[in-house]
Each structure stands twice: as C-alpha cells, then as structure tokens.
Amino acid sequence: TTFLDPFKFEITFECLKELKEDIEWKLIYVGSSKDESYDQVLDQFSMGPLQYGAMQFELESNGPNPQKIPSKDDLLGVTAIILTVSYKQKEFFRVGYYVYNHYTDEELIMQDPLIVDTVSYTHLTLPTIYSVQISVVAVSLKK
C-alpha cells in the first residue's frame, strides 16, 4: 500500500443498550512523534441514535497530507494511526496501529529522495487497544 492510498477499516461494534445520543469517531494520523500539533484528523463523524445490537460499517479515509508533515524524518520511519471513539465527549475506546513508512524500490532506498507517491507503509504489529469500560457500548475493530 502506498502512502497516498486511502486507509480502509472494517469496524464492528456492539451497542449494549439503546443510545439516544451520538457516539463520535475520529481517525488520526500521527505526523510527528515530537509534536502532536502535526497530528492530522483524517476523518471525524458522529453516529446515532443507536439501537441495541451489533453493527458493522467500513471506514475509508484519505491518507494524510504529506505537506503537513514537518520533515522527511517524520514522513519516513515509524508512526501511528489512531482511531478513537467517544460518548458524551468522553473517549472510551482507542486503537492504534504502528505503521512503517518506507521505500520498497532498492534504488530509491539507496538514493533516499523524497518522492511521496513511491513511499509504502506496512503495519508493524497487531493493534494496540485502550478502552475504558462504560456500561453502554462495546467496540471491536478488524483490519
């Protein structure tokens, strides 16, 4: 997958009781490990009201704007993509993927130019999940 390709996630979650208020979803690309002001919100949306039961949807979002990434060192190497979910303005679920941005072409690796459309990314690990139990929603994510 190249840096400019959209991110795609298949999301399944279970609502344990009817919710009259929305839950908020946010997909974030970490633009620099040194300064969170370079984080880019790739997508943000509300969903609700929600009925009891399991639901599934596909989240597809454009990749980050490379012009907003402060340096070549921040563009290439390890970064993260984070999906957060909030209810009543309180984050209760966060899943993050470590991503390795790199060249796959041997010549580009040796020359080390900055040609964004030739940068690929690879998920390094299984997702890292953080959740705070609340009595109204449970979420799972499959990539």
Protein backbone atom coordinates (compact mmCIF):
# COMPACT_ATOMS: atom_id res chain seq x y z
CA THR A 1 0.00 0.00 0.00
CA THR A 2 1.36 3.42 -0.88
CA PHE A 3 1.37 6.48 1.33
CA LEU A 4 -1.26 8.22 -0.81
CA ASP A 5 -3.74 5.30 -0.81
CA PRO A 6 -6.81 5.62 1.41
CA PHE A 7 -6.98 3.80 4.74
CA LYS A 8 -9.74 1.19 4.98
CA PHE A 9 -11.08 -0.36 8.17
CA GLU A 10 -13.96 -2.75 8.70
CA ILE A 11 -15.48 -1.84 12.04
CA THR A 12 -17.82 -4.00 14.08
CA PHE A 13 -19.22 -2.79 17.36
CA GLU A 14 -21.93 -3.81 19.76
CA CYS A 15 -24.29 -1.41 21.44
CA LEU A 16 -25.43 -2.97 24.72
CA LYS A 17 -28.42 -0.68 25.10
CA GLU A 18 -30.24 1.91 23.02
CA LEU A 19 -28.39 5.24 22.87
CA LYS A 20 -30.24 8.44 22.15
CA GLU A 21 -27.02 10.47 21.96
CA ASP A 22 -24.34 10.09 19.27
CA ILE A 23 -21.01 8.38 19.57
CA GLU A 24 -18.11 10.27 17.98
CA TRP A 25 -15.46 8.57 15.80
CA LYS A 26 -12.10 10.12 14.94
CA LEU A 27 -9.26 8.74 12.76
CA ILE A 28 -5.88 10.40 13.44
CA TYR A 29 -2.52 10.17 11.66
CA VAL A 30 0.47 10.98 13.88
CA GLY A 31 2.52 13.42 11.80
CA SER A 32 5.43 13.73 14.22
CA SER A 33 6.33 11.84 17.37
CA LYS A 34 7.91 15.04 18.70
CA ASP A 35 4.92 17.38 18.40
CA GLU A 36 1.23 16.44 18.43
CA SER A 37 0.32 19.69 16.67
CA TYR A 38 1.30 17.84 13.45
CA ASP A 39 -1.32 15.14 14.03
CA GLN A 40 -3.87 15.10 11.22
CA VAL A 41 -7.53 14.23 11.75
CA LEU A 42 -8.24 12.16 8.65
CA ASP A 43 -11.91 11.62 9.41
CA GLN A 44 -14.35 12.57 12.12
CA PHE A 45 -18.04 11.78 12.30
CA SER A 46 -20.99 11.11 14.60
CA MET A 47 -23.23 8.08 14.63
CA GLY A 48 -26.55 7.87 16.38
CA PRO A 49 -29.03 7.38 17.79
CA LEU A 50 -28.08 3.71 18.14
CA GLN A 51 -30.26 0.68 18.67
CA TYR A 52 -29.32 -2.33 20.78
CA GLY A 53 -27.24 -4.91 18.91
CA ALA A 54 -24.20 -5.47 16.72
CA MET A 55 -23.42 -3.09 13.86
CA GLN A 56 -20.79 -3.05 11.17
CA PHE A 57 -19.51 -0.49 8.69
CA GLU A 58 -16.48 0.28 6.56
CA LEU A 59 -14.45 3.38 7.29
CA GLU A 60 -12.48 4.64 4.30
CA SER A 61 -10.45 7.79 4.60
CA ASN A 62 -7.88 9.61 2.52
CA GLY A 63 -4.32 9.36 3.76
CA PRO A 64 -2.53 12.25 5.42
CA ASN A 65 -1.46 15.40 3.62
CA PRO A 66 2.33 15.00 3.23
CA GLN A 67 2.71 18.81 3.07
CA LYS A 68 1.63 18.96 6.74
CA ILE A 69 4.32 16.54 7.90
CA PRO A 70 7.22 18.65 9.21
CA SER A 71 10.23 16.72 7.90
CA LYS A 72 11.46 13.81 5.83
CA ASP A 73 12.44 12.06 9.07
CA ASP A 74 8.82 12.31 10.22
CA LEU A 75 7.47 11.11 6.87
CA LEU A 76 9.74 8.05 6.64
CA GLY A 77 10.02 5.61 9.52
CA VAL A 78 7.62 4.58 12.26
CA THR A 79 4.44 6.48 13.07
CA ALA A 80 0.88 5.59 14.11
CA ILE A 81 -2.73 5.68 13.00
CA ILE A 82 -5.23 6.03 15.84
CA LEU A 83 -8.99 5.51 15.91
CA THR A 84 -10.85 6.96 18.90
CA VAL A 85 -14.48 6.64 19.96
CA SER A 86 -16.19 8.98 22.42
CA TYR A 87 -19.56 9.12 24.10
CA LYS A 88 -20.80 12.32 25.72
CA GLN A 89 -17.42 13.95 24.98
CA LYS A 90 -15.52 11.22 26.88
CA GLU A 91 -13.17 8.94 24.99
CA PHE A 92 -13.84 5.34 25.92
CA PHE A 93 -12.04 3.42 23.17
CA ARG A 94 -8.76 3.91 21.30
CA VAL A 95 -6.99 1.56 18.92
CA GLY A 96 -3.64 2.37 17.39
CA TYR A 97 -1.58 0.80 14.63
CA TYR A 98 2.15 1.34 14.38
CA VAL A 99 2.98 1.98 10.74
CA TYR A 100 6.36 1.88 9.00
CA ASN A 101 6.64 4.28 6.02
CA HIS A 102 9.42 3.21 3.67
CA TYR A 103 10.58 2.82 0.10
CA THR A 104 10.25 -0.64 -1.47
CA ASP A 105 12.37 0.09 -4.55
CA GLU A 106 16.07 -0.71 -3.90
CA GLU A 107 17.24 2.25 -6.00
CA LEU A 108 15.09 4.67 -4.01
CA ILE A 109 16.38 3.21 -0.75
CA MET A 110 19.96 3.88 -1.88
CA GLN A 111 19.28 7.38 -3.26
CA ASP A 112 16.86 8.34 -0.45
CA PRO A 113 14.94 11.05 -2.33
CA LEU A 114 11.63 12.33 -1.02
CA ILE A 115 9.10 11.10 -3.57
CA VAL A 116 5.87 10.70 -1.61
CA ASP A 117 3.97 8.61 -4.17
CA THR A 118 6.69 5.93 -4.00
CA VAL A 119 6.55 5.60 -0.20
CA SER A 120 4.79 2.46 1.05
CA TYR A 121 3.53 1.70 4.51
CA THR A 122 3.40 -1.53 6.45
CA HIS A 123 1.56 -2.29 9.69
CA LEU A 124 4.26 -3.36 12.14
CA THR A 125 2.21 -5.04 14.85
CA LEU A 126 -1.24 -6.03 15.90
CA PRO A 127 -3.27 -3.07 17.06
CA THR A 128 -2.70 -1.57 20.48
CA ILE A 129 -6.07 -1.17 22.20
CA TYR A 130 -7.02 1.07 25.09
CA SER A 131 -10.54 1.09 26.47
CA VAL A 132 -12.38 2.44 29.44
CA GLN A 133 -15.38 0.41 30.45
CA ILE A 134 -18.64 2.21 30.22
CA SER A 135 -21.94 0.49 30.59
CA VAL A 136 -23.39 1.39 27.19
CA VAL A 137 -21.05 0.42 24.28
CA ALA A 138 -18.50 -2.28 23.35
CA VAL A 139 -16.38 -1.92 20.18
CA SER A 140 -14.13 -4.21 18.13
CA LEU A 141 -12.06 -3.44 15.03
CA LYS A 142 -10.86 -5.72 12.25
CA LYS A 143 -8.26 -4.55 9.71
